[in-house]
Amino acid sequence: MEKILSKEEIADLLSAVRHGDVDIESVGSEPGSSSGAGKASAAELCNLFKAEGPDGWKLQNYDLILDSFARNYALSLSTRFQRAAHIKLEAMESMTFDALLQRLSGRGAIGVLQIEPLTGGALLVFDEQLSFSLVEMVLGGTSDNQPLIPSRGMSAIELNVIRDVIDSGCPELNKGFLQLQEVHATLVEVVSNLRLLNFVSPEVGIVAARFKVSIDSLEGNITLVIPHTALEPLQKKQRVKTLPTSEVQNSKWQTLVLGELDNMDVGLEATLATLSLRVRDILNFQVGDVIDLGCKPDTPLKIMIEKRPKFLGMAGVQGSKKAIRIKGRIPHGG
């Protein structure tokens, strides 16, 4: 049997892979191996830190939370700027944080959020088009024309100008998560270059939800970034939460079915004995013939409920009618 690595050995191996001490790209035969042994099969890269692809991680009905956030934040922006604002969820992806960094231009405003009681925080990433447009609007500029976007990152003054706009998204995020759990989101800081911020490790999985924002003729994108580790408690709570609901529904159905069972009509038969006869014998029956049932007169009758034996009873008379006195229950399988 092959030796199984211990936890310490696995941790050392992962650390070596992460720091580049182990070359996982090169594939070849061992030194001294003969050419007749055949070619070495190509190695398949396996990510030990997360499941790749959009199906690698999911939170059920997370899109409903995001849609609620989009609607409420659009109303908040419309009220603030007295202009028609529209926000729509366009895409939701699961990826590594490093993959997200490759997509960011580094020139927009990024709000760093803390969401209690979730761990890991969150990011509200405004692209450069929307960031500089919001600066113009906060300072009283018009939204009729797209502003000129400079080829630089936002200054500290510009970030401070739109800080309140980003901060106004926190209560709307709280409303969205209220469908699943009560949370309290707060804005910690606003930065321009996320690479200088120690948010999470590059290989950590995150969920990035991209929203399209339209304010009159201005358009831009907002991306809500939350690590998998922050959403995992909600994922577990969601599974537990469905159980009581199912039990309540089953209890209601059970009460309804039991109530209806009390009013159902069922067939009842009392059988003393059964026997098999040939048709010829039945045709020869005459008045006064005695048929031997093979049992004594005091033999208990078998009481059938819907053709199933349930009770034993004795034949008798109640008033002017024939009746059966139940003597006991037939054991299950009898």
C-alpha atoms as a PDB file:
ATOM      1  CA  MET A   1       0.000   0.000   0.000  1.00  0.00           C
ATOM      2  CA  GLU A   2       1.265   3.465  -0.906  1.00  0.00           C
ATOM      3  CA  LYS A   3       2.151   5.795   1.919  1.00  0.00           C
ATOM      4  CA  ILE A   4      -0.434   8.535   2.568  1.00  0.00           C
ATOM      5  CA  LEU A   5       0.944  12.010   3.194  1.00  0.00           C
ATOM      6  CA  SER A   6       0.420  13.501   6.634  1.00  0.00           C
ATOM      7  CA  LYS A   7      -1.181  16.912   7.168  1.00  0.00           C
ATOM      8  CA  GLU A   8       2.232  18.462   7.809  1.00  0.00           C
ATOM      9  CA  GLU A   9       3.658  16.993   4.575  1.00  0.00           C
ATOM     10  CA  ILE A  10       0.676  18.237   2.553  1.00  0.00           C
ATOM     11  CA  ALA A  11       1.070  21.721   4.069  1.00  0.00           C
ATOM     12  CA  ASP A  12       4.791  21.754   3.179  1.00  0.00           C
ATOM     13  CA  LEU A  13       4.001  20.627  -0.380  1.00  0.00           C
ATOM     14  CA  LEU A  14       1.379  23.358  -0.879  1.00  0.00           C
ATOM     15  CA  SER A  15       3.762  25.966   0.519  1.00  0.00           C
ATOM     16  CA  ALA A  16       6.490  24.832  -1.889  1.00  0.00           C
ATOM     17  CA  VAL A  17       4.102  24.987  -4.854  1.00  0.00           C
ATOM     18  CA  ARG A  18       2.883  28.425  -3.852  1.00  0.00           C
ATOM     19  CA  HIS A  19       6.400  29.857  -3.515  1.00  0.00           C
ATOM     20  CA  GLY A  20       7.653  28.280  -6.748  1.00  0.00           C
ATOM     21  CA  ASP A  21      10.035  25.821  -5.089  1.00  0.00           C
ATOM     22  CA  VAL A  22       8.357  22.961  -6.937  1.00  0.00           C
ATOM     23  CA  ASP A  23       8.157  23.138 -10.739  1.00  0.00           C
ATOM     24  CA  ILE A  24       4.647  21.943 -11.610  1.00  0.00           C
ATOM     25  CA  GLU A  25       4.912  22.865 -15.291  1.00  0.00           C
ATOM     26  CA  SER A  26       7.859  20.691 -16.380  1.00  0.00           C
ATOM     27  CA  VAL A  27       7.037  17.104 -17.297  1.00  0.00           C
ATOM     28  CA  GLY A  28       9.579  14.496 -18.386  1.00  0.00           C
ATOM     29  CA  SER A  29      10.879  11.026 -17.829  1.00  0.00           C
ATOM     30  CA  GLU A  30      13.130  10.188 -14.936  1.00  0.00           C
ATOM     31  CA  PRO A  31      16.893  10.287 -15.519  1.00  0.00           C
ATOM     32  CA  GLY A  32      18.249   6.995 -16.782  1.00  0.00           C
ATOM     33  CA  SER A  33      14.922   5.710 -18.044  1.00  0.00           C
ATOM     34  CA  SER A  34      15.086   3.832 -21.334  1.00  0.00           C
ATOM     35  CA  SER A  35      13.408   5.143 -24.446  1.00  0.00           C
ATOM     36  CA  GLY A  36      11.572   1.846 -24.863  1.00  0.00           C
ATOM     37  CA  ALA A  37       9.629   2.490 -21.659  1.00  0.00           C
ATOM     38  CA  GLY A  38       7.291   4.763 -23.587  1.00  0.00           C
ATOM     39  CA  LYS A  39       6.560   8.451 -23.363  1.00  0.00           C
ATOM     40  CA  ALA A  40       5.692  10.006 -20.053  1.00  0.00           C
ATOM     41  CA  SER A  41       2.045  11.060 -19.922  1.00  0.00           C
ATOM     42  CA  ALA A  42       1.348  14.770 -19.766  1.00  0.00           C
ATOM     43  CA  ALA A  43       0.691  16.087 -16.268  1.00  0.00           C
ATOM     44  CA  GLU A  44      -2.660  17.714 -15.613  1.00  0.00           C
ATOM     45  CA  LEU A  45      -2.540  20.906 -13.551  1.00  0.00           C
ATOM     46  CA  CYS A  46      -4.713  20.622 -10.452  1.00  0.00           C
ATOM     47  CA  ASN A  47      -5.601  23.668  -8.354  1.00  0.00           C
ATOM     48  CA  LEU A  48      -5.594  22.559  -4.719  1.00  0.00           C
ATOM     49  CA  PHE A  49      -6.911  25.859  -3.396  1.00  0.00           C
ATOM     50  CA  LYS A  50     -10.309  26.235  -5.080  1.00  0.00           C
ATOM     51  CA  ALA A  51     -12.658  24.798  -7.674  1.00  0.00           C
ATOM     52  CA  GLU A  52     -12.239  26.634 -10.957  1.00  0.00           C
ATOM     53  CA  GLY A  53     -15.025  27.946 -13.157  1.00  0.00           C
ATOM     54  CA  PRO A  54     -18.395  29.569 -12.500  1.00  0.00           C
ATOM     55  CA  ASP A  55     -19.737  26.274 -11.134  1.00  0.00           C
ATOM     56  CA  GLY A  56     -16.941  25.964  -8.597  1.00  0.00           C
ATOM     57  CA  TRP A  57     -18.893  27.846  -5.932  1.00  0.00           C
ATOM     58  CA  LYS A  58     -22.523  28.876  -5.652  1.00  0.00           C
ATOM     59  CA  LEU A  59     -24.860  30.528  -3.161  1.00  0.00           C
ATOM     60  CA  GLN A  60     -28.450  29.646  -3.865  1.00  0.00           C
ATOM     61  CA  ASN A  61     -30.635  32.647  -4.787  1.00  0.00           C
ATOM     62  CA  TYR A  62     -27.690  35.054  -4.430  1.00  0.00           C
ATOM     63  CA  ASP A  63     -28.970  36.816  -7.555  1.00  0.00           C
ATOM     64  CA  LEU A  64     -32.132  37.810  -5.658  1.00  0.00           C
ATOM     65  CA  ILE A  65     -30.001  39.563  -3.043  1.00  0.00           C
ATOM     66  CA  LEU A  66     -28.076  41.360  -5.792  1.00  0.00           C
ATOM     67  CA  ASP A  67     -31.245  42.398  -7.641  1.00  0.00           C
ATOM     68  CA  SER A  68     -32.645  43.891  -4.439  1.00  0.00           C
ATOM     69  CA  PHE A  69     -29.403  45.790  -3.854  1.00  0.00           C
ATOM     70  CA  ALA A  70     -29.473  47.121  -7.430  1.00  0.00           C
ATOM     71  CA  ARG A  71     -33.064  48.399  -7.158  1.00  0.00           C
ATOM     72  CA  ASN A  72     -32.551  50.096  -3.808  1.00  0.00           C
ATOM     73  CA  TYR A  73     -29.199  51.651  -4.761  1.00  0.00           C
ATOM     74  CA  ALA A  74     -30.714  53.023  -7.979  1.00  0.00           C
ATOM     75  CA  LEU A  75     -33.462  54.725  -5.953  1.00  0.00           C
ATOM     76  CA  SER A  76     -30.834  56.141  -3.598  1.00  0.00           C
ATOM     77  CA  LEU A  77     -28.797  57.625  -6.473  1.00  0.00           C
ATOM     78  CA  SER A  78     -31.936  59.003  -8.141  1.00  0.00           C
ATOM     79  CA  THR A  79     -32.894  60.799  -4.934  1.00  0.00           C
ATOM     80  CA  ARG A  80     -29.373  62.132  -4.364  1.00  0.00           C
ATOM     81  CA  PHE A  81     -28.791  63.542  -7.864  1.00  0.00           C
ATOM     82  CA  GLN A  82     -32.432  64.213  -8.823  1.00  0.00           C
ATOM     83  CA  ARG A  83     -31.802  62.298 -12.036  1.00  0.00           C
ATOM     84  CA  ALA A  84     -33.142  58.982 -13.320  1.00  0.00           C
ATOM     85  CA  ALA A  85     -30.695  56.289 -12.241  1.00  0.00           C
ATOM     86  CA  HIS A  86     -30.891  52.652 -13.325  1.00  0.00           C
ATOM     87  CA  ILE A  87     -28.781  49.765 -12.025  1.00  0.00           C
ATOM     88  CA  LYS A  88     -29.019  46.256 -13.478  1.00  0.00           C
ATOM     89  CA  LEU A  89     -27.177  43.049 -12.622  1.00  0.00           C
ATOM     90  CA  GLU A  90     -25.326  41.971 -15.768  1.00  0.00           C
ATOM     91  CA  ALA A  91     -23.004  39.154 -14.712  1.00  0.00           C
ATOM     92  CA  MET A  92     -21.952  37.100 -11.700  1.00  0.00           C
ATOM     93  CA  GLU A  93     -18.712  35.128 -11.780  1.00  0.00           C
ATOM     94  CA  SER A  94     -16.692  32.946  -9.429  1.00  0.00           C
ATOM     95  CA  MET A  95     -12.929  33.376  -9.829  1.00  0.00           C
ATOM     96  CA  THR A  96      -9.689  33.909  -7.944  1.00  0.00           C
ATOM     97  CA  PHE A  97      -8.879  37.330  -6.601  1.00  0.00           C
ATOM     98  CA  ASP A  98      -5.791  37.391  -8.817  1.00  0.00           C
ATOM     99  CA  ALA A  99      -7.993  36.938 -11.917  1.00  0.00           C
ATOM    100  CA  LEU A 100     -10.053  39.946 -10.825  1.00  0.00           C
ATOM    101  CA  LEU A 101      -6.929  42.075 -10.366  1.00  0.00           C
ATOM    102  CA  GLN A 102      -5.963  41.401 -13.980  1.00  0.00           C
ATOM    103  CA  ARG A 103      -9.247  42.943 -15.146  1.00  0.00           C
ATOM    104  CA  LEU A 104      -9.119  46.155 -13.112  1.00  0.00           C
ATOM    105  CA  SER A 105      -7.677  49.266 -14.678  1.00  0.00           C
ATOM    106  CA  GLY A 106      -6.629  50.743 -11.348  1.00  0.00           C
ATOM    107  CA  ARG A 107      -8.055  54.191 -12.148  1.00  0.00           C
ATOM    108  CA  GLY A 108     -11.517  53.977 -10.582  1.00  0.00           C
ATOM    109  CA  ALA A 109     -12.742  54.346  -7.003  1.00  0.00           C
ATOM    110  CA  ILE A 110     -12.895  51.265  -4.798  1.00  0.00           C
ATOM    111  CA  GLY A 111     -14.856  51.172  -1.563  1.00  0.00           C
ATOM    112  CA  VAL A 112     -13.582  48.729   1.046  1.00  0.00           C
ATOM    113  CA  LEU A 113     -16.496  47.454   3.120  1.00  0.00           C
ATOM    114  CA  GLN A 114     -16.800  45.595   6.374  1.00  0.00           C
ATOM    115  CA  ILE A 115     -19.925  43.432   6.634  1.00  0.00           C
ATOM    116  CA  GLU A 116     -20.768  42.229  10.119  1.00  0.00           C
ATOM    117  CA  PRO A 117     -21.074  39.421  11.095  1.00  0.00           C
ATOM    118  CA  LEU A 118     -19.519  38.091   7.851  1.00  0.00           C
ATOM    119  CA  THR A 119     -15.741  37.755   7.755  1.00  0.00           C
ATOM    120  CA  GLY A 120     -13.470  38.847   4.926  1.00  0.00           C
ATOM    121  CA  GLY A 121     -15.146  42.128   4.019  1.00  0.00           C
ATOM    122  CA  ALA A 122     -16.248  43.199   0.542  1.00  0.00           C
ATOM    123  CA  LEU A 123     -15.406  45.644  -2.236  1.00  0.00           C
ATOM    124  CA  LEU A 124     -17.498  48.056  -4.292  1.00  0.00           C
ATOM    125  CA  VAL A 125     -15.439  48.706  -7.433  1.00  0.00           C
ATOM    126  CA  PHE A 126     -16.485  51.697  -9.563  1.00  0.00           C
ATOM    127  CA  ASP A 127     -14.894  51.808 -13.030  1.00  0.00           C
ATOM    128  CA  GLU A 128     -13.084  54.963 -14.128  1.00  0.00           C
ATOM    129  CA  GLN A 129     -15.943  56.156 -16.365  1.00  0.00           C
ATOM    130  CA  LEU A 130     -18.456  56.091 -13.529  1.00  0.00           C
ATOM    131  CA  SER A 131     -16.004  57.345 -10.901  1.00  0.00           C
ATOM    132  CA  PHE A 132     -14.996  60.530 -12.719  1.00  0.00           C
ATOM    133  CA  SER A 133     -18.597  61.093 -13.850  1.00  0.00           C
ATOM    134  CA  LEU A 134     -19.808  60.960 -10.254  1.00  0.00           C
ATOM    135  CA  VAL A 135     -17.155  63.498  -9.238  1.00  0.00           C
ATOM    136  CA  GLU A 136     -18.534  65.883 -11.878  1.00  0.00           C
ATOM    137  CA  MET A 137     -22.109  65.327 -10.730  1.00  0.00           C
ATOM    138  CA  VAL A 138     -21.350  65.779  -7.017  1.00  0.00           C
ATOM    139  CA  LEU A 139     -19.640  69.080  -7.867  1.00  0.00           C
ATOM    140  CA  GLY A 140     -22.726  70.238  -9.796  1.00  0.00           C
ATOM    141  CA  GLY A 141     -21.731  69.245 -13.320  1.00  0.00           C
ATOM    142  CA  THR A 142     -24.228  68.202 -15.975  1.00  0.00           C
ATOM    143  CA  SER A 143     -24.894  64.610 -17.010  1.00  0.00           C
ATOM    144  CA  ASP A 144     -25.659  65.490 -20.632  1.00  0.00           C
ATOM    145  CA  ASN A 145     -22.163  64.732 -21.904  1.00  0.00           C
ATOM    146  CA  GLN A 146     -19.578  62.131 -20.951  1.00  0.00           C
ATOM    147  CA  PRO A 147     -16.738  63.808 -19.008  1.00  0.00           C
ATOM    148  CA  LEU A 148     -13.171  63.555 -20.211  1.00  0.00           C
ATOM    149  CA  ILE A 149     -11.529  60.635 -18.411  1.00  0.00           C
ATOM    150  CA  PRO A 150      -7.885  61.388 -17.518  1.00  0.00           C
ATOM    151  CA  SER A 151      -5.287  58.671 -17.967  1.00  0.00           C
ATOM    152  CA  ARG A 152      -4.395  58.571 -14.269  1.00  0.00           C
ATOM    153  CA  GLY A 153      -5.709  57.240 -11.017  1.00  0.00           C
ATOM    154  CA  MET A 154      -8.093  59.265  -8.889  1.00  0.00           C
ATOM    155  CA  SER A 155      -6.591  61.720  -6.439  1.00  0.00           C
ATOM    156  CA  ALA A 156      -7.274  61.692  -2.716  1.00  0.00           C
ATOM    157  CA  ILE A 157      -9.524  64.757  -3.119  1.00  0.00           C
ATOM    158  CA  GLU A 158     -11.598  63.094  -5.860  1.00  0.00           C
ATOM    159  CA  LEU A 159     -11.959  59.935  -3.794  1.00  0.00           C
ATOM    160  CA  ASN A 160     -13.143  61.994  -0.845  1.00  0.00           C
ATOM    161  CA  VAL A 161     -15.695  63.796  -3.052  1.00  0.00           C
ATOM    162  CA  ILE A 162     -17.549  60.586  -3.942  1.00  0.00           C
ATOM    163  CA  ARG A 163     -17.024  58.847  -0.597  1.00  0.00           C
ATOM    164  CA  ASP A 164     -20.600  59.593   0.480  1.00  0.00           C
ATOM    165  CA  VAL A 165     -21.943  58.200  -2.812  1.00  0.00           C
ATOM    166  CA  ILE A 166     -20.171  54.899  -2.197  1.00  0.00           C
ATOM    167  CA  ASP A 167     -21.140  54.912   1.473  1.00  0.00           C
ATOM    168  CA  SER A 168     -24.835  55.257   0.509  1.00  0.00           C
ATOM    169  CA  GLY A 169     -24.633  51.763  -1.007  1.00  0.00           C
ATOM    170  CA  CYS A 170     -24.049  50.154   2.415  1.00  0.00           C
ATOM    171  CA  PRO A 171     -27.635  50.436   3.746  1.00  0.00           C
ATOM    172  CA  GLU A 172     -28.940  49.186   0.394  1.00  0.00           C
ATOM    173  CA  LEU A 173     -26.635  46.161   0.683  1.00  0.00           C
ATOM    174  CA  ASN A 174     -28.056  45.530   4.153  1.00  0.00           C
ATOM    175  CA  LYS A 175     -31.585  45.508   2.704  1.00  0.00           C
ATOM    176  CA  GLY A 176     -30.589  42.979   0.068  1.00  0.00           C
ATOM    177  CA  PHE A 177     -29.027  40.544   2.544  1.00  0.00           C
ATOM    178  CA  LEU A 178     -31.998  40.903   4.887  1.00  0.00           C
ATOM    179  CA  GLN A 179     -33.748  38.209   2.817  1.00  0.00           C
ATOM    180  CA  LEU A 180     -31.247  35.701   4.187  1.00  0.00           C
ATOM    181  CA  GLN A 181     -29.597  37.253   7.230  1.00  0.00           C
ATOM    182  CA  GLU A 182     -29.383  40.614   8.950  1.00  0.00           C
ATOM    183  CA  VAL A 183     -25.993  42.205   8.228  1.00  0.00           C
ATOM    184  CA  HIS A 184     -24.438  45.605   8.869  1.00  0.00           C
ATOM    185  CA  ALA A 185     -22.203  46.934   6.085  1.00  0.00           C
ATOM    186  CA  THR A 186     -19.928  49.926   6.732  1.00  0.00           C
ATOM    187  CA  LEU A 187     -17.456  51.738   4.492  1.00  0.00           C
ATOM    188  CA  VAL A 188     -13.916  51.422   5.862  1.00  0.00           C
ATOM    189  CA  GLU A 189     -11.975  53.399   3.239  1.00  0.00           C
ATOM    190  CA  VAL A 190     -11.963  54.440  -0.411  1.00  0.00           C
ATOM    191  CA  VAL A 191      -8.884  53.678  -2.492  1.00  0.00           C
ATOM    192  CA  SER A 192      -7.878  53.862  -6.129  1.00  0.00           C
ATOM    193  CA  ASN A 193      -5.261  51.119  -6.477  1.00  0.00           C
ATOM    194  CA  LEU A 194      -6.382  47.765  -5.134  1.00  0.00           C
ATOM    195  CA  ARG A 195      -2.957  46.203  -5.659  1.00  0.00           C
ATOM    196  CA  LEU A 196      -1.646  48.222  -2.727  1.00  0.00           C
ATOM    197  CA  LEU A 197      -4.422  46.936  -0.479  1.00  0.00           C
ATOM    198  CA  ASN A 198      -4.033  43.653   1.409  1.00  0.00           C
ATOM    199  CA  PHE A 199      -7.621  42.498   0.878  1.00  0.00           C
ATOM    200  CA  VAL A 200      -7.233  38.718   0.399  1.00  0.00           C
ATOM    201  CA  SER A 201      -4.549  36.412  -0.982  1.00  0.00           C
ATOM    202  CA  PRO A 202      -4.381  36.183  -4.800  1.00  0.00           C
ATOM    203  CA  GLU A 203      -5.443  32.501  -4.881  1.00  0.00           C
ATOM    204  CA  VAL A 204      -8.541  33.043  -2.694  1.00  0.00           C
ATOM    205  CA  GLY A 205     -11.868  32.512  -4.454  1.00  0.00           C
ATOM    206  CA  ILE A 206     -14.268  35.452  -4.781  1.00  0.00           C
ATOM    207  CA  VAL A 207     -17.683  36.135  -6.290  1.00  0.00           C
ATOM    208  CA  ALA A 208     -17.719  39.202  -8.544  1.00  0.00           C
ATOM    209  CA  ALA A 209     -21.139  40.646  -9.436  1.00  0.00           C
ATOM    210  CA  ARG A 210     -21.051  43.308 -12.172  1.00  0.00           C
ATOM    211  CA  PHE A 211     -23.813  45.924 -12.404  1.00  0.00           C
ATOM    212  CA  LYS A 212     -24.479  48.318 -15.282  1.00  0.00           C
ATOM    213  CA  VAL A 213     -25.230  51.838 -14.037  1.00  0.00           C
ATOM    214  CA  SER A 214     -27.036  54.472 -16.113  1.00  0.00           C
ATOM    215  CA  ILE A 215     -27.687  58.018 -14.914  1.00  0.00           C
ATOM    216  CA  ASP A 216     -29.327  59.952 -17.753  1.00  0.00           C
ATOM    217  CA  SER A 217     -26.776  59.636 -20.570  1.00  0.00           C
ATOM    218  CA  LEU A 218     -23.901  58.596 -18.288  1.00  0.00           C
ATOM    219  CA  GLU A 219     -23.017  54.918 -18.088  1.00  0.00           C
ATOM    220  CA  GLY A 220     -20.549  52.857 -16.109  1.00  0.00           C
ATOM    221  CA  ASN A 221     -20.081  49.677 -14.108  1.00  0.00           C
ATOM    222  CA  ILE A 222     -20.015  48.732 -10.436  1.00  0.00           C
ATOM    223  CA  THR A 223     -18.587  45.397  -9.300  1.00  0.00           C
ATOM    224  CA  LEU A 224     -19.447  43.956  -5.902  1.00  0.00           C
ATOM    225  CA  VAL A 225     -16.682  41.605  -4.734  1.00  0.00           C
ATOM    226  CA  ILE A 226     -17.178  39.224  -1.798  1.00  0.00           C
ATOM    227  CA  PRO A 227     -14.828  36.322  -0.905  1.00  0.00           C
ATOM    228  CA  HIS A 228     -16.187  32.789  -0.786  1.00  0.00           C
ATOM    229  CA  THR A 229     -15.125  32.556   2.868  1.00  0.00           C
ATOM    230  CA  ALA A 230     -17.473  35.430   3.757  1.00  0.00           C
ATOM    231  CA  LEU A 231     -20.467  33.826   2.041  1.00  0.00           C
ATOM    232  CA  GLU A 232     -19.880  30.234   3.185  1.00  0.00           C
ATOM    233  CA  PRO A 233     -21.668  30.750   6.566  1.00  0.00           C
ATOM    234  CA  LEU A 234     -24.718  31.971   4.625  1.00  0.00           C
ATOM    235  CA  GLN A 235     -24.471  28.909   2.397  1.00  0.00           C
ATOM    236  CA  LYS A 236     -24.564  26.606   5.433  1.00  0.00           C
ATOM    237  CA  LYS A 237     -27.329  28.625   7.078  1.00  0.00           C
ATOM    238  CA  GLN A 238     -29.381  28.416   3.898  1.00  0.00           C
ATOM    239  CA  ARG A 239     -29.242  24.607   3.974  1.00  0.00           C
ATOM    240  CA  VAL A 240     -30.265  24.527   7.636  1.00  0.00           C
ATOM    241  CA  LYS A 241     -32.968  27.130   7.091  1.00  0.00           C
ATOM    242  CA  THR A 242     -34.775  25.024   4.522  1.00  0.00           C
ATOM    243  CA  LEU A 243     -35.281  22.148   6.977  1.00  0.00           C
ATOM    244  CA  PRO A 244     -37.732  23.817   9.430  1.00  0.00           C
ATOM    245  CA  THR A 245     -39.735  25.209   6.518  1.00  0.00           C
ATOM    246  CA  SER A 246     -40.039  21.722   5.058  1.00  0.00           C
ATOM    247  CA  GLU A 247     -41.074  20.323   8.442  1.00  0.00           C
ATOM    248  CA  VAL A 248     -43.767  22.973   8.844  1.00  0.00           C
ATOM    249  CA  GLN A 249     -45.136  22.226   5.395  1.00  0.00           C
ATOM    250  CA  ASN A 250     -45.117  18.484   6.110  1.00  0.00           C
ATOM    251  CA  SER A 251     -46.910  19.086   9.411  1.00  0.00           C
ATOM    252  CA  LYS A 252     -49.650  21.061   7.644  1.00  0.00           C
ATOM    253  CA  TRP A 253     -50.113  18.333   5.054  1.00  0.00           C
ATOM    254  CA  GLN A 254     -50.160  15.674   7.750  1.00  0.00           C
ATOM    255  CA  THR A 255     -52.886  17.504   9.692  1.00  0.00           C
ATOM    256  CA  LEU A 256     -54.932  17.966   6.524  1.00  0.00           C
ATOM    257  CA  VAL A 257     -54.610  14.312   5.474  1.00  0.00           C
ATOM    258  CA  LEU A 258     -55.483  13.036   8.964  1.00  0.00           C
ATOM    259  CA  GLY A 259     -58.559  15.268   9.010  1.00  0.00           C
ATOM    260  CA  GLU A 260     -59.730  13.937   5.660  1.00  0.00           C
ATOM    261  CA  LEU A 261     -59.071  10.331   6.689  1.00  0.00           C
ATOM    262  CA  ASP A 262     -61.642  10.639   9.482  1.00  0.00           C
ATOM    263  CA  ASN A 263     -64.372  11.274   6.884  1.00  0.00           C
ATOM    264  CA  MET A 264     -63.414   8.576   4.368  1.00  0.00           C
ATOM    265  CA  ASP A 265     -65.763   5.667   3.621  1.00  0.00           C
ATOM    266  CA  VAL A 266     -64.126   2.222   3.884  1.00  0.00           C
ATOM    267  CA  GLY A 267     -65.435  -1.264   3.193  1.00  0.00           C
ATOM    268  CA  LEU A 268     -65.824  -3.716   6.100  1.00  0.00           C
ATOM    269  CA  GLU A 269     -66.366  -7.469   5.785  1.00  0.00           C
ATOM    270  CA  ALA A 270     -66.595 -10.234   8.374  1.00  0.00           C
ATOM    271  CA  THR A 271     -65.441 -13.687   7.248  1.00  0.00           C
ATOM    272  CA  LEU A 272     -65.890 -16.893   9.200  1.00  0.00           C
ATOM    273  CA  ALA A 273     -64.150 -19.219   6.778  1.00  0.00           C
ATOM    274  CA  THR A 274     -63.395 -19.769   3.098  1.00  0.00           C
ATOM    275  CA  LEU A 275     -63.454 -22.909   1.034  1.00  0.00           C
ATOM    276  CA  SER A 276     -63.056 -23.934  -2.593  1.00  0.00           C
ATOM    277  CA  LEU A 277     -65.801 -25.801  -4.480  1.00  0.00           C
ATOM    278  CA  ARG A 278     -66.103 -27.128  -7.970  1.00  0.00           C
ATOM    279  CA  VAL A 279     -68.691 -25.516 -10.209  1.00  0.00           C
ATOM    280  CA  ARG A 280     -70.395 -28.905 -10.597  1.00  0.00           C
ATOM    281  CA  ASP A 281     -70.940 -29.123  -6.827  1.00  0.00           C
ATOM    282  CA  ILE A 282     -72.340 -25.604  -6.669  1.00  0.00           C
ATOM    283  CA  LEU A 283     -74.818 -26.381  -9.464  1.00  0.00           C
ATOM    284  CA  ASN A 284     -76.022 -29.446  -7.521  1.00  0.00           C
ATOM    285  CA  PHE A 285     -76.850 -27.476  -4.359  1.00  0.00           C
ATOM    286  CA  GLN A 286     -80.399 -28.079  -3.036  1.00  0.00           C
ATOM    287  CA  VAL A 287     -82.452 -26.299  -0.419  1.00  0.00           C
ATOM    288  CA  GLY A 288     -81.544 -27.682   2.996  1.00  0.00           C
ATOM    289  CA  ASP A 289     -78.042 -28.829   2.073  1.00  0.00           C
ATOM    290  CA  VAL A 290     -75.412 -28.240   4.774  1.00  0.00           C
ATOM    291  CA  ILE A 291     -72.020 -26.853   3.751  1.00  0.00           C
ATOM    292  CA  ASP A 292     -69.158 -27.758   6.066  1.00  0.00           C
ATOM    293  CA  LEU A 293     -66.924 -24.732   6.576  1.00  0.00           C
ATOM    294  CA  GLY A 294     -64.325 -26.718   8.494  1.00  0.00           C
ATOM    295  CA  CYS A 295     -64.538 -24.635  11.674  1.00  0.00           C
ATOM    296  CA  LYS A 296     -66.424 -24.598  14.967  1.00  0.00           C
ATOM    297  CA  PRO A 297     -69.442 -22.305  15.605  1.00  0.00           C
ATOM    298  CA  ASP A 298     -67.447 -20.312  18.208  1.00  0.00           C
ATOM    299  CA  THR A 299     -64.517 -19.700  15.839  1.00  0.00           C
ATOM    300  CA  PRO A 300     -63.736 -15.921  15.730  1.00  0.00           C
ATOM    301  CA  LEU A 301     -64.651 -14.079  12.553  1.00  0.00           C
ATOM    302  CA  LYS A 302     -61.897 -12.355  10.607  1.00  0.00           C
ATOM    303  CA  ILE A 303     -62.876  -8.686  10.091  1.00  0.00           C
ATOM    304  CA  MET A 304     -61.494  -7.224   6.844  1.00  0.00           C
ATOM    305  CA  ILE A 305     -60.984  -3.499   6.265  1.00  0.00           C
ATOM    306  CA  GLU A 306     -60.628  -2.762   2.546  1.00  0.00           C
ATOM    307  CA  LYS A 307     -59.761  -6.446   1.944  1.00  0.00           C
ATOM    308  CA  ARG A 308     -57.062  -6.373   4.634  1.00  0.00           C
ATOM    309  CA  PRO A 309     -57.451  -8.447   7.850  1.00  0.00           C
ATOM    310  CA  LYS A 310     -57.409  -6.105  10.850  1.00  0.00           C
ATOM    311  CA  PHE A 311     -59.574  -7.480  13.711  1.00  0.00           C
ATOM    312  CA  LEU A 312     -61.096 -10.656  15.194  1.00  0.00           C
ATOM    313  CA  GLY A 313     -64.730 -10.674  16.325  1.00  0.00           C
ATOM    314  CA  MET A 314     -67.738 -12.781  17.324  1.00  0.00           C
ATOM    315  CA  ALA A 315     -71.035 -12.865  15.437  1.00  0.00           C
ATOM    316  CA  GLY A 316     -74.146 -11.781  17.336  1.00  0.00           C
ATOM    317  CA  VAL A 317     -77.301  -9.671  17.319  1.00  0.00           C
ATOM    318  CA  GLN A 318     -77.764  -6.049  18.343  1.00  0.00           C
ATOM    319  CA  GLY A 319     -81.452  -5.243  18.638  1.00  0.00           C
ATOM    320  CA  SER A 320     -83.054  -6.618  15.489  1.00  0.00           C
ATOM    321  CA  LYS A 321     -79.853  -6.485  13.425  1.00  0.00           C
ATOM    322  CA  LYS A 322     -76.900  -8.780  13.008  1.00  0.00           C
ATOM    323  CA  ALA A 323     -73.722  -7.442  14.604  1.00  0.00           C
ATOM    324  CA  ILE A 324     -70.103  -8.293  15.312  1.00  0.00           C
ATOM    325  CA  ARG A 325     -68.318  -7.791  18.629  1.00  0.00           C
ATOM    326  CA  ILE A 326     -64.628  -6.964  18.121  1.00  0.00           C
ATOM    327  CA  LYS A 327     -62.483  -9.178  20.338  1.00  0.00           C
ATOM    328  CA  GLY A 328     -59.007  -8.031  19.364  1.00  0.00           C
ATOM    329  CA  ARG A 329     -56.578  -6.852  16.715  1.00  0.00           C
ATOM    330  CA  ILE A 330     -54.896  -9.199  14.291  1.00  0.00           C
ATOM    331  CA  PRO A 331     -51.104  -8.921  14.648  1.00  0.00           C
ATOM    332  CA  HIS A 332     -49.310  -7.281  11.732  1.00  0.00           C
ATOM    333  CA  GLY A 333     -48.658  -9.855   9.022  1.00  0.00           C
ATOM    334  CA  GLY A 334     -51.293 -12.269  10.393  1.00  0.00           C
END
